[in-house]
């Protein structure tokens, strides 16, 4: 978390401050913005790997006081306009496309403004999984399911208890009861004290039209800005069939014991 403040150089309204971030994910909160910030993302990996990275930013809901640009060799491309409202959008770009330039907009009272956003760096393959423009609700093939089991941030067997739709965010929240937890990167799925069951929430696009249904599913997906995002989710009996067929042929990419 980086929290610079414009009030520390109020007399130099055109100051440009450099910020260097070493973590692969985190957040920037710029209090009382004046002048500009150049945000340098310098993850602790080999510079040769930078070209394989995608950067995603998600502005805070109440972020205000500055425009956010993508900057490369002095050219600016507007990413987020000050005061832009609506669904919590995520903006992604290749690491080699430039850096972030955050410029304060003229304000009568900067003490009421805070500009902020979360950021994540990830491999381009993972980013493509999360932000597939074409057919985002398409069912996964057998091969895609088996690969998702090996590479996803979470893999669970569970049932859908309820689905709530957020029209403003254009998202659906799937409330899941977990029957078996194979893997989770973050503690999204937790044991609830009241029922003694594991439960959690998974988000997906509203346009996918997810409905509550009977039976168990194999839920896989990625963590994105602290939220579980749905990937492949076949019915569990279909997954068992895929897994057995691949195992019998020696083609399953990893083992999890799907019983």
Protein backbone atom coordinates (compact mmCIF):
# COMPACT_ATOMS: atom_id res chain seq x y z
CA UNK A 1 0.00 0.00 0.00
CA UNK A 2 1.42 3.35 -1.02
CA UNK A 3 -0.18 6.56 0.32
CA UNK A 4 1.44 9.76 -0.92
CA UNK A 5 -0.17 13.09 -0.01
CA UNK A 6 -0.49 16.23 -2.11
CA UNK A 7 -0.55 18.48 0.93
CA UNK A 8 3.17 17.85 1.51
CA UNK A 9 3.97 19.94 -1.56
CA UNK A 10 0.93 22.20 -1.85
CA UNK A 11 3.04 25.18 -2.93
CA UNK A 12 4.30 23.25 -6.00
CA UNK A 13 1.11 22.35 -7.75
CA UNK A 14 2.96 21.12 -10.85
CA UNK A 15 5.28 18.74 -8.99
CA UNK A 16 5.67 15.26 -10.40
CA UNK A 17 6.39 12.59 -7.81
CA UNK A 18 7.84 9.17 -8.58
CA UNK A 19 6.49 6.07 -6.80
CA UNK A 20 8.21 2.68 -7.09
CA UNK A 21 6.25 -0.49 -6.33
CA UNK A 22 7.98 -3.87 -5.95
CA UNK A 23 4.99 -6.07 -5.11
CA UNK A 24 3.01 -7.99 -7.71
CA UNK A 25 -0.25 -6.70 -6.23
CA UNK A 26 -1.31 -3.92 -3.92
CA UNK A 27 -2.96 -0.52 -3.93
CA UNK A 28 -2.22 3.18 -4.33
CA UNK A 29 -4.08 5.80 -2.31
CA UNK A 30 -3.19 9.40 -3.17
CA UNK A 31 -4.61 11.77 -0.59
CA UNK A 32 -5.32 15.40 -1.51
CA UNK A 33 -3.86 15.06 -5.03
CA UNK A 34 -1.90 17.94 -6.58
CA UNK A 35 0.57 17.79 -9.45
CA UNK A 36 1.14 14.27 -10.74
CA UNK A 37 2.39 10.81 -9.82
CA UNK A 38 4.45 8.52 -12.01
CA UNK A 39 3.80 4.96 -10.80
CA UNK A 40 6.71 2.65 -11.59
CA UNK A 41 5.90 -1.05 -11.25
CA UNK A 42 9.15 -2.92 -10.68
CA UNK A 43 8.33 -6.49 -9.60
CA UNK A 44 11.10 -8.65 -8.19
CA UNK A 45 11.48 -10.76 -11.31
CA UNK A 46 13.92 -10.81 -14.19
CA UNK A 47 13.44 -7.81 -16.52
CA UNK A 48 13.41 -10.33 -19.38
CA UNK A 49 10.04 -11.54 -18.05
CA UNK A 50 8.43 -8.08 -18.11
CA UNK A 51 7.18 -8.55 -21.70
CA UNK A 52 5.07 -11.50 -20.53
CA UNK A 53 3.25 -9.45 -17.87
CA UNK A 54 -0.18 -7.84 -17.90
CA UNK A 55 -1.03 -4.98 -15.52
CA UNK A 56 -4.61 -4.55 -14.29
CA UNK A 57 -5.94 -1.67 -12.20
CA UNK A 58 -9.29 -1.34 -10.45
CA UNK A 59 -10.15 2.18 -9.22
CA UNK A 60 -11.70 2.55 -5.78
CA UNK A 61 -15.43 3.21 -5.93
CA UNK A 62 -15.06 6.72 -4.47
CA UNK A 63 -11.78 7.58 -6.23
CA UNK A 64 -11.70 11.25 -7.25
CA UNK A 65 -9.36 14.13 -7.91
CA UNK A 66 -7.17 12.84 -10.75
CA UNK A 67 -7.10 11.34 -14.22
CA UNK A 68 -5.18 8.09 -14.75
CA UNK A 69 -3.20 7.72 -17.96
CA UNK A 70 -1.08 5.09 -19.65
CA UNK A 71 2.21 6.80 -20.49
CA UNK A 72 4.94 5.70 -22.90
CA UNK A 73 7.77 7.90 -24.16
CA UNK A 74 5.84 11.06 -23.32
CA UNK A 75 2.56 10.06 -24.97
CA UNK A 76 -0.51 9.84 -22.73
CA UNK A 77 -3.53 7.60 -23.24
CA UNK A 78 -6.47 8.21 -20.90
CA UNK A 79 -7.46 5.12 -18.91
CA UNK A 80 -9.72 6.49 -16.15
CA UNK A 81 -11.31 9.94 -16.23
CA UNK A 82 -11.73 11.79 -12.93
CA UNK A 83 -15.23 11.31 -11.56
CA UNK A 84 -16.03 8.41 -13.89
CA UNK A 85 -18.79 6.39 -12.23
CA UNK A 86 -20.62 3.18 -12.96
CA UNK A 87 -19.68 -0.49 -12.58
CA UNK A 88 -16.31 -1.19 -10.92
CA UNK A 89 -14.34 -1.59 -14.12
CA UNK A 90 -10.96 -3.24 -14.42
CA UNK A 91 -8.45 -1.77 -16.89
CA UNK A 92 -5.69 -4.04 -18.22
CA UNK A 93 -2.69 -3.45 -20.48
CA UNK A 94 0.60 -5.10 -21.33
CA UNK A 95 3.52 -4.16 -19.09
CA UNK A 96 5.48 -3.11 -22.18
CA UNK A 97 2.70 -0.73 -23.30
CA UNK A 98 3.81 1.88 -20.78
CA UNK A 99 3.53 2.99 -17.15
CA UNK A 100 0.90 4.79 -15.10
CA UNK A 101 0.76 8.58 -14.99
CA UNK A 102 -1.74 9.95 -12.47
CA UNK A 103 -2.45 13.66 -12.88
CA UNK A 104 -4.47 15.71 -10.40
CA UNK A 105 -7.34 17.75 -11.82
CA UNK A 106 -7.94 21.36 -10.68
CA UNK A 107 -9.99 21.37 -7.47
CA UNK A 108 -11.52 24.08 -5.28
CA UNK A 109 -11.00 21.90 -2.18
CA UNK A 110 -8.43 19.11 -2.53
CA UNK A 111 -8.88 18.04 1.11
CA UNK A 112 -12.06 16.25 0.08
CA UNK A 113 -10.40 14.21 -2.69
CA UNK A 114 -8.63 10.85 -2.58
CA UNK A 115 -7.51 9.06 -5.73
CA UNK A 116 -6.95 5.34 -5.36
CA UNK A 117 -6.84 2.03 -7.15
CA UNK A 118 -5.82 -1.57 -6.67
CA UNK A 119 -3.29 -3.09 -9.05
CA UNK A 120 -2.23 -6.60 -10.04
CA UNK A 121 0.53 -7.93 -12.24
CA UNK A 122 0.00 -11.35 -13.77
CA UNK A 123 1.17 -13.49 -16.66
CA UNK A 124 -0.58 -12.80 -19.93
CA UNK A 125 -2.03 -16.31 -19.99
CA UNK A 126 -3.82 -15.83 -16.67
CA UNK A 127 -5.00 -12.37 -17.69
CA UNK A 128 -6.47 -13.80 -20.89
CA UNK A 129 -8.39 -16.37 -18.83
CA UNK A 130 -9.89 -13.61 -16.68
CA UNK A 131 -10.70 -11.14 -19.44
CA UNK A 132 -11.81 -13.25 -22.38
CA UNK A 133 -13.71 -10.93 -24.71
CA UNK A 134 -15.09 -13.71 -26.89
CA UNK A 135 -17.63 -16.16 -25.48
CA UNK A 136 -16.87 -15.57 -21.76
CA UNK A 137 -19.75 -17.89 -20.78
CA UNK A 138 -18.79 -20.73 -23.12
CA UNK A 139 -18.65 -24.18 -21.44
CA UNK A 140 -15.12 -25.56 -21.10
CA UNK A 141 -13.93 -28.54 -23.10
CA UNK A 142 -12.71 -31.70 -21.30
CA UNK A 143 -9.09 -30.65 -21.86
CA UNK A 144 -9.73 -27.15 -20.49
CA UNK A 145 -11.41 -28.56 -17.38
CA UNK A 146 -8.55 -30.97 -16.64
CA UNK A 147 -6.00 -28.19 -17.12
CA UNK A 148 -8.04 -25.82 -14.92
CA UNK A 149 -7.89 -28.37 -12.11
CA UNK A 150 -4.09 -28.17 -12.20
CA UNK A 151 -3.63 -24.43 -12.62
CA UNK A 152 -6.56 -22.68 -10.90
CA UNK A 153 -6.28 -20.66 -7.70
CA UNK A 154 -9.20 -22.60 -6.24
CA UNK A 155 -10.69 -26.02 -6.96
CA UNK A 156 -13.74 -27.18 -4.99
CA UNK A 157 -16.62 -29.61 -5.18
CA UNK A 158 -19.80 -27.87 -4.11
CA UNK A 159 -23.41 -26.97 -4.70
CA UNK A 160 -25.10 -23.67 -5.49
CA UNK A 161 -27.10 -22.42 -2.52
CA UNK A 162 -28.18 -19.14 -4.08
CA UNK A 163 -27.31 -16.64 -6.80
CA UNK A 164 -27.62 -12.88 -6.29
CA UNK A 165 -27.38 -10.51 -9.24
CA UNK A 166 -25.78 -7.07 -9.09
CA UNK A 167 -27.20 -5.17 -12.07
CA UNK A 168 -25.05 -2.08 -11.48
CA UNK A 169 -21.85 -4.11 -11.42
CA UNK A 170 -23.07 -6.43 -14.21
CA UNK A 171 -22.05 -9.40 -12.06
CA UNK A 172 -23.60 -12.43 -10.39
CA UNK A 173 -22.51 -13.76 -7.00
CA UNK A 174 -22.73 -17.53 -6.63
CA UNK A 175 -23.16 -18.59 -2.99
CA UNK A 176 -21.52 -22.00 -2.73
CA UNK A 177 -21.70 -24.74 -0.15
CA UNK A 178 -18.40 -26.63 -0.26
CA UNK A 179 -18.48 -30.42 -0.04
CA UNK A 180 -14.76 -30.93 -0.71
CA UNK A 181 -11.97 -28.37 -0.83
CA UNK A 182 -9.13 -29.46 -3.11
CA UNK A 183 -7.21 -26.18 -3.19
CA UNK A 184 -7.56 -22.48 -2.50
CA UNK A 185 -4.98 -19.72 -2.80
CA UNK A 186 -6.78 -17.36 -0.43
CA UNK A 187 -9.24 -18.03 2.37
CA UNK A 188 -12.34 -17.26 0.32
CA UNK A 189 -14.02 -20.51 1.37
CA UNK A 190 -14.28 -20.77 5.14
CA UNK A 191 -15.86 -22.93 7.79
CA UNK A 192 -19.00 -21.26 9.13
CA UNK A 193 -19.63 -21.58 12.85
CA UNK A 194 -23.40 -21.80 12.63
CA UNK A 195 -23.74 -24.80 10.34
CA UNK A 196 -20.29 -26.33 10.49
CA UNK A 197 -20.15 -26.21 6.68
CA UNK A 198 -17.58 -24.65 4.37
CA UNK A 199 -19.05 -21.80 2.34
CA UNK A 200 -17.90 -19.05 0.03
CA UNK A 201 -18.78 -16.77 -2.86
CA UNK A 202 -17.69 -16.85 -6.50
CA UNK A 203 -18.29 -13.99 -8.94
CA UNK A 204 -19.05 -14.25 -12.64
CA UNK A 205 -20.56 -12.09 -15.38
CA UNK A 206 -24.27 -11.30 -15.14
CA UNK A 207 -24.66 -12.11 -18.84
CA UNK A 208 -23.77 -15.76 -18.13
CA UNK A 209 -27.19 -16.16 -16.46
CA UNK A 210 -26.13 -18.51 -13.65
CA UNK A 211 -29.13 -20.00 -11.80
CA UNK A 212 -29.40 -22.05 -8.59
CA UNK A 213 -29.52 -25.75 -9.42
CA UNK A 214 -29.45 -29.19 -7.88
CA UNK A 215 -26.39 -31.40 -7.70
CA UNK A 216 -22.69 -30.88 -7.24
CA UNK A 217 -20.34 -28.97 -9.51
CA UNK A 218 -16.57 -28.75 -9.75
CA UNK A 219 -15.84 -25.04 -9.36
CA UNK A 220 -12.47 -23.73 -10.54
CA UNK A 221 -11.22 -20.20 -11.07
CA UNK A 222 -8.82 -17.39 -10.30
CA UNK A 223 -8.39 -14.87 -7.51
CA UNK A 224 -8.68 -11.35 -8.89
CA UNK A 225 -8.50 -8.24 -6.69
CA UNK A 226 -9.27 -10.37 -3.64
CA UNK A 227 -12.35 -12.01 -5.19
CA UNK A 228 -12.90 -15.52 -6.51
CA UNK A 229 -13.73 -15.38 -10.25
CA UNK A 230 -15.38 -18.36 -11.91
CA UNK A 231 -13.48 -20.38 -14.49
CA UNK A 232 -14.55 -23.86 -15.62
CA UNK A 233 -17.47 -25.32 -13.64
CA UNK A 234 -18.72 -28.66 -15.00
CA UNK A 235 -21.19 -30.85 -13.17
CA UNK A 236 -19.18 -33.06 -10.84
CA UNK A 237 -20.35 -36.31 -12.42
CA UNK A 238 -19.14 -35.01 -15.82
CA UNK A 239 -15.77 -34.13 -14.28
CA UNK A 240 -15.46 -37.62 -12.81
CA UNK A 241 -16.03 -39.08 -16.28
CA UNK A 242 -13.45 -36.76 -17.88
CA UNK A 243 -10.91 -37.48 -15.17
CA UNK A 244 -11.33 -41.27 -15.37
CA UNK A 245 -11.09 -41.32 -19.17
CA UNK A 246 -7.92 -39.20 -19.12
CA UNK A 247 -6.38 -41.27 -16.30
CA UNK A 248 -7.09 -44.53 -18.11
CA UNK A 249 -5.22 -43.15 -21.14
CA UNK A 250 -2.44 -41.65 -18.99
CA UNK A 251 -3.35 -38.17 -20.23
CA UNK A 252 -4.53 -36.41 -17.07
CA UNK A 253 -2.14 -33.46 -16.46
CA UNK A 254 -2.28 -33.79 -12.65
CA UNK A 255 -3.93 -35.89 -9.95
CA UNK A 256 -6.34 -34.66 -7.30
CA UNK A 257 -8.35 -37.77 -6.36
CA UNK A 258 -11.84 -36.69 -7.46
CA UNK A 259 -13.83 -39.18 -5.34
